[in-house]
């Protein structure tokens, strides 16, 4: 199953969608996206939990 994170679901006004095979890969991609696109200097544990709470799975 593919893990999906939609940036809007995390609370950003962004059409970004991350698709990855594993949760770890998705979280790493989300962290990189947050730093590059949104200027987030640090991905805190609270941000990680928010991302995990909106992550969905697709077959």
PDB file of N, CA and C in Angstrom:
ATOM      1  N   UNK A   1       0.824  -1.183   0.000  1.00  0.00           N
ATOM      2  CA  UNK A   1       0.000   0.000   0.000  1.00  0.00           C
ATOM      3  C   UNK A   1       0.871   1.250   0.000  1.00  0.00           C
ATOM      4  N   UNK A   2       0.407   2.240  -0.693  1.00  0.00           N
ATOM      5  CA  UNK A   2       1.136   3.494  -0.805  1.00  0.00           C
ATOM      6  C   UNK A   2       0.675   4.460   0.289  1.00  0.00           C
ATOM      7  N   UNK A   3       1.633   5.152   0.899  1.00  0.00           N
ATOM      8  CA  UNK A   3       1.343   6.165   1.915  1.00  0.00           C
ATOM      9  C   UNK A   3       1.205   7.509   1.203  1.00  0.00           C
ATOM     10  N   UNK A   4       0.191   8.278   1.582  1.00  0.00           N
ATOM     11  CA  UNK A   4      -0.081   9.551   0.929  1.00  0.00           C
ATOM     12  C   UNK A   4      -0.223  10.650   1.974  1.00  0.00           C
ATOM     13  N   UNK A   5       0.452  11.766   1.716  1.00  0.00           N
ATOM     14  CA  UNK A   5       0.339  12.945   2.565  1.00  0.00           C
ATOM     15  C   UNK A   5      -0.025  14.117   1.659  1.00  0.00           C
ATOM     16  N   UNK A   6      -1.119  14.769   1.983  1.00  0.00           N
ATOM     17  CA  UNK A   6      -1.529  15.970   1.243  1.00  0.00           C
ATOM     18  C   UNK A   6      -1.187  17.178   2.107  1.00  0.00           C
ATOM     19  N   UNK A   7      -0.425  18.076   1.543  1.00  0.00           N
ATOM     20  CA  UNK A   7       0.052  19.238   2.282  1.00  0.00           C
ATOM     21  C   UNK A   7      -1.111  20.030   2.890  1.00  0.00           C
ATOM     22  N   UNK A   8      -2.187  20.165   2.151  1.00  0.00           N
ATOM     23  CA  UNK A   8      -3.350  20.897   2.659  1.00  0.00           C
ATOM     24  C   UNK A   8      -3.890  20.262   3.937  1.00  0.00           C
ATOM     25  N   UNK A   9      -3.828  18.928   4.020  1.00  0.00           N
ATOM     26  CA  UNK A   9      -4.332  18.231   5.204  1.00  0.00           C
ATOM     27  C   UNK A   9      -3.487  18.535   6.441  1.00  0.00           C
ATOM     28  N   UNK A  10      -2.233  18.916   6.226  1.00  0.00           N
ATOM     29  CA  UNK A  10      -1.339  19.262   7.342  1.00  0.00           C
ATOM     30  C   UNK A  10      -1.587  20.703   7.778  1.00  0.00           C
ATOM     31  N   UNK A  11      -2.219  21.500   6.909  1.00  0.00           N
ATOM     32  CA  UNK A  11      -2.558  22.863   7.276  1.00  0.00           C
ATOM     33  C   UNK A  11      -1.914  23.937   6.421  1.00  0.00           C
ATOM     34  N   UNK A  12      -1.235  23.541   5.351  1.00  0.00           N
ATOM     35  CA  UNK A  12      -0.592  24.503   4.465  1.00  0.00           C
ATOM     36  C   UNK A  12      -1.464  24.779   3.246  1.00  0.00           C
ATOM     37  N   UNK A  13      -1.376  25.984   2.719  1.00  0.00           N
ATOM     38  CA  UNK A  13      -2.074  26.357   1.491  1.00  0.00           C
ATOM     39  C   UNK A  13      -1.173  25.937   0.326  1.00  0.00           C
ATOM     40  N   UNK A  14      -1.154  24.640   0.065  1.00  0.00           N
ATOM     41  CA  UNK A  14      -0.219  24.049  -0.889  1.00  0.00           C
ATOM     42  C   UNK A  14      -0.871  22.822  -1.507  1.00  0.00           C
ATOM     43  N   UNK A  15      -0.696  22.652  -2.808  1.00  0.00           N
ATOM     44  CA  UNK A  15      -1.262  21.493  -3.502  1.00  0.00           C
ATOM     45  C   UNK A  15      -0.333  20.285  -3.501  1.00  0.00           C
ATOM     46  N   UNK A  16       0.754  20.345  -2.738  1.00  0.00           N
ATOM     47  CA  UNK A  16       1.724  19.256  -2.702  1.00  0.00           C
ATOM     48  C   UNK A  16       1.121  17.951  -2.199  1.00  0.00           C
ATOM     49  N   UNK A  17       1.483  16.870  -2.870  1.00  0.00           N
ATOM     50  CA  UNK A  17       1.056  15.524  -2.474  1.00  0.00           C
ATOM     51  C   UNK A  17       2.281  14.633  -2.493  1.00  0.00           C
ATOM     52  N   UNK A  18       2.503  13.930  -1.395  1.00  0.00           N
ATOM     53  CA  UNK A  18       3.640  13.018  -1.282  1.00  0.00           C
ATOM     54  C   UNK A  18       3.104  11.596  -1.329  1.00  0.00           C
ATOM     55  N   UNK A  19       3.747  10.775  -2.141  1.00  0.00           N
ATOM     56  CA  UNK A  19       3.388   9.356  -2.253  1.00  0.00           C
ATOM     57  C   UNK A  19       4.657   8.549  -2.044  1.00  0.00           C
ATOM     58  N   UNK A  20       4.573   7.568  -1.148  1.00  0.00           N
ATOM     59  CA  UNK A  20       5.741   6.745  -0.843  1.00  0.00           C
ATOM     60  C   UNK A  20       5.297   5.340  -0.475  1.00  0.00           C
ATOM     61  N   UNK A  21       6.232   4.422  -0.551  1.00  0.00           N
ATOM     62  CA  UNK A  21       5.928   3.025  -0.247  1.00  0.00           C
ATOM     63  C   UNK A  21       5.858   2.750   1.244  1.00  0.00           C
ATOM     64  N   UNK A  22       6.627   3.509   2.036  1.00  0.00           N
ATOM     65  CA  UNK A  22       6.653   3.274   3.479  1.00  0.00           C
ATOM     66  C   UNK A  22       6.367   4.566   4.235  1.00  0.00           C
ATOM     67  N   UNK A  23       5.963   4.430   5.489  1.00  0.00           N
ATOM     68  CA  UNK A  23       5.728   5.599   6.326  1.00  0.00           C
ATOM     69  C   UNK A  23       7.022   6.390   6.514  1.00  0.00           C
ATOM     70  N   UNK A  24       8.119   5.700   6.742  1.00  0.00           N
ATOM     71  CA  UNK A  24       9.404   6.373   6.948  1.00  0.00           C
ATOM     72  C   UNK A  24       9.799   7.202   5.726  1.00  0.00           C
ATOM     73  N   UNK A  25       9.657   6.617   4.554  1.00  0.00           N
ATOM     74  CA  UNK A  25       9.980   7.335   3.319  1.00  0.00           C
ATOM     75  C   UNK A  25       9.071   8.553   3.149  1.00  0.00           C
ATOM     76  N   UNK A  26       7.783   8.385   3.433  1.00  0.00           N
ATOM     77  CA  UNK A  26       6.836   9.497   3.313  1.00  0.00           C
ATOM     78  C   UNK A  26       7.194  10.623   4.279  1.00  0.00           C
ATOM     79  N   UNK A  27       7.540  10.278   5.509  1.00  0.00           N
ATOM     80  CA  UNK A  27       7.904  11.300   6.497  1.00  0.00           C
ATOM     81  C   UNK A  27       9.178  12.031   6.091  1.00  0.00           C
ATOM     82  N   UNK A  28      10.144  11.302   5.566  1.00  0.00           N
ATOM     83  CA  UNK A  28      11.384  11.944   5.098  1.00  0.00           C
ATOM     84  C   UNK A  28      11.103  12.897   3.938  1.00  0.00           C
ATOM     85  N   UNK A  29      10.259  12.474   3.019  1.00  0.00           N
ATOM     86  CA  UNK A  29       9.910  13.317   1.880  1.00  0.00           C
ATOM     87  C   UNK A  29       9.130  14.547   2.352  1.00  0.00           C
ATOM     88  N   UNK A  30       8.241  14.356   3.321  1.00  0.00           N
ATOM     89  CA  UNK A  30       7.468  15.478   3.855  1.00  0.00           C
ATOM     90  C   UNK A  30       8.375  16.480   4.554  1.00  0.00           C
ATOM     91  N   UNK A  31       9.350  15.995   5.294  1.00  0.00           N
ATOM     92  CA  UNK A  31      10.290  16.884   5.981  1.00  0.00           C
ATOM     93  C   UNK A  31      11.084  17.699   4.963  1.00  0.00           C
ATOM     94  N   UNK A  32      11.555  17.047   3.913  1.00  0.00           N
ATOM     95  CA  UNK A  32      12.312  17.750   2.877  1.00  0.00           C
ATOM     96  C   UNK A  32      11.427  18.791   2.187  1.00  0.00           C
ATOM     97  N   UNK A  33      10.187  18.430   1.896  1.00  0.00           N
ATOM     98  CA  UNK A  33       9.246  19.356   1.256  1.00  0.00           C
ATOM     99  C   UNK A  33       8.995  20.560   2.170  1.00  0.00           C
ATOM    100  N   UNK A  34       8.767  20.306   3.447  1.00  0.00           N
ATOM    101  CA  UNK A  34       8.488  21.388   4.398  1.00  0.00           C
ATOM    102  C   UNK A  34       9.654  22.365   4.483  1.00  0.00           C
ATOM    103  N   UNK A  35      10.862  21.847   4.438  1.00  0.00           N
ATOM    104  CA  UNK A  35      12.046  22.710   4.509  1.00  0.00           C
ATOM    105  C   UNK A  35      12.228  23.495   3.218  1.00  0.00           C
ATOM    106  N   UNK A  36      12.118  22.834   2.079  1.00  0.00           N
ATOM    107  CA  UNK A  36      12.379  23.466   0.792  1.00  0.00           C
ATOM    108  C   UNK A  36      11.278  24.426   0.368  1.00  0.00           C
ATOM    109  N   UNK A  37      10.029  24.009   0.514  1.00  0.00           N
ATOM    110  CA  UNK A  37       8.910  24.778  -0.022  1.00  0.00           C
ATOM    111  C   UNK A  37       8.343  25.761   1.001  1.00  0.00           C
ATOM    112  N   UNK A  38       8.290  25.333   2.262  1.00  0.00           N
ATOM    113  CA  UNK A  38       7.635  26.149   3.281  1.00  0.00           C
ATOM    114  C   UNK A  38       8.611  26.839   4.233  1.00  0.00           C
ATOM    115  N   UNK A  39       9.901  26.627   4.037  1.00  0.00           N
ATOM    116  CA  UNK A  39      10.904  27.292   4.857  1.00  0.00           C
ATOM    117  C   UNK A  39      10.916  26.856   6.313  1.00  0.00           C
ATOM    118  N   UNK A  40      10.405  25.670   6.576  1.00  0.00           N
ATOM    119  CA  UNK A  40      10.386  25.153   7.939  1.00  0.00           C
ATOM    120  C   UNK A  40      11.791  24.689   8.295  1.00  0.00           C
ATOM    121  N   UNK A  41      12.416  25.349   9.262  1.00  0.00           N
ATOM    122  CA  UNK A  41      13.800  25.036   9.626  1.00  0.00           C
ATOM    123  C   UNK A  41      13.933  23.723  10.369  1.00  0.00           C
ATOM    124  N   UNK A  42      12.945  23.408  11.181  1.00  0.00           N
ATOM    125  CA  UNK A  42      13.016  22.198  11.989  1.00  0.00           C
ATOM    126  C   UNK A  42      11.670  21.498  11.948  1.00  0.00           C
ATOM    127  N   UNK A  43      11.709  20.195  11.748  1.00  0.00           N
ATOM    128  CA  UNK A  43      10.487  19.403  11.790  1.00  0.00           C
ATOM    129  C   UNK A  43      10.399  18.816  13.196  1.00  0.00           C
ATOM    130  N   UNK A  44       9.557  19.424  13.997  1.00  0.00           N
ATOM    131  CA  UNK A  44       9.432  19.037  15.405  1.00  0.00           C
ATOM    132  C   UNK A  44       8.617  17.757  15.550  1.00  0.00           C
ATOM    133  N   UNK A  45       8.714  17.118  16.697  1.00  0.00           N
ATOM    134  CA  UNK A  45       7.873  15.928  16.935  1.00  0.00           C
ATOM    135  C   UNK A  45       6.384  16.228  16.778  1.00  0.00           C
ATOM    136  N   UNK A  46       5.970  17.440  17.108  1.00  0.00           N
ATOM    137  CA  UNK A  46       4.562  17.811  16.954  1.00  0.00           C
ATOM    138  C   UNK A  46       4.160  17.838  15.485  1.00  0.00           C
ATOM    139  N   UNK A  47       5.053  18.341  14.634  1.00  0.00           N
ATOM    140  CA  UNK A  47       4.781  18.365  13.200  1.00  0.00           C
ATOM    141  C   UNK A  47       4.711  16.937  12.657  1.00  0.00           C
ATOM    142  N   UNK A  48       5.612  16.085  13.098  1.00  0.00           N
ATOM    143  CA  UNK A  48       5.614  14.682  12.663  1.00  0.00           C
ATOM    144  C   UNK A  48       4.296  14.010  13.053  1.00  0.00           C
ATOM    145  N   UNK A  49       3.832  14.253  14.268  1.00  0.00           N
ATOM    146  CA  UNK A  49       2.566  13.655  14.711  1.00  0.00           C
ATOM    147  C   UNK A  49       1.390  14.167  13.884  1.00  0.00           C
ATOM    148  N   UNK A  50       1.401  15.448  13.552  1.00  0.00           N
ATOM    149  CA  UNK A  50       0.338  16.010  12.710  1.00  0.00           C
ATOM    150  C   UNK A  50       0.346  15.346  11.337  1.00  0.00           C
ATOM    151  N   UNK A  51       1.550  15.190  10.769  1.00  0.00           N
ATOM    152  CA  UNK A  51       1.668  14.546   9.466  1.00  0.00           C
ATOM    153  C   UNK A  51       1.159  13.114   9.525  1.00  0.00           C
ATOM    154  N   UNK A  52       1.563  12.380  10.560  1.00  0.00           N
ATOM    155  CA  UNK A  52       1.111  10.991  10.713  1.00  0.00           C
ATOM    156  C   UNK A  52      -0.413  10.911  10.847  1.00  0.00           C
ATOM    157  N   UNK A  53      -1.006  11.915  11.501  1.00  0.00           N
ATOM    158  CA  UNK A  53      -2.451  11.871  11.747  1.00  0.00           C
ATOM    159  C   UNK A  53      -3.264  12.066  10.464  1.00  0.00           C
ATOM    160  N   UNK A  54      -2.662  12.693   9.456  1.00  0.00           N
ATOM    161  CA  UNK A  54      -3.388  12.927   8.195  1.00  0.00           C
ATOM    162  C   UNK A  54      -2.931  12.007   7.063  1.00  0.00           C
ATOM    163  N   UNK A  55      -1.916  11.190   7.322  1.00  0.00           N
ATOM    164  CA  UNK A  55      -1.409  10.270   6.303  1.00  0.00           C
ATOM    165  C   UNK A  55      -2.468   9.212   5.999  1.00  0.00           C
ATOM    166  N   UNK A  56      -2.670   8.963   4.716  1.00  0.00           N
ATOM    167  CA  UNK A  56      -3.633   7.947   4.306  1.00  0.00           C
ATOM    168  C   UNK A  56      -2.908   6.851   3.520  1.00  0.00           C
ATOM    169  N   UNK A  57      -3.635   5.772   3.257  1.00  0.00           N
ATOM    170  CA  UNK A  57      -3.090   4.659   2.482  1.00  0.00           C
ATOM    171  C   UNK A  57      -3.960   4.427   1.262  1.00  0.00           C
ATOM    172  N   UNK A  58      -3.302   4.074   0.182  1.00  0.00           N
ATOM    173  CA  UNK A  58      -3.994   3.788  -1.055  1.00  0.00           C
ATOM    174  C   UNK A  58      -3.418   2.516  -1.639  1.00  0.00           C
ATOM    175  N   UNK A  59      -4.279   1.669  -2.160  1.00  0.00           N
ATOM    176  CA  UNK A  59      -3.795   0.424  -2.752  1.00  0.00           C
ATOM    177  C   UNK A  59      -3.416   0.608  -4.186  1.00  0.00           C
TER     178      UNK A  59
END
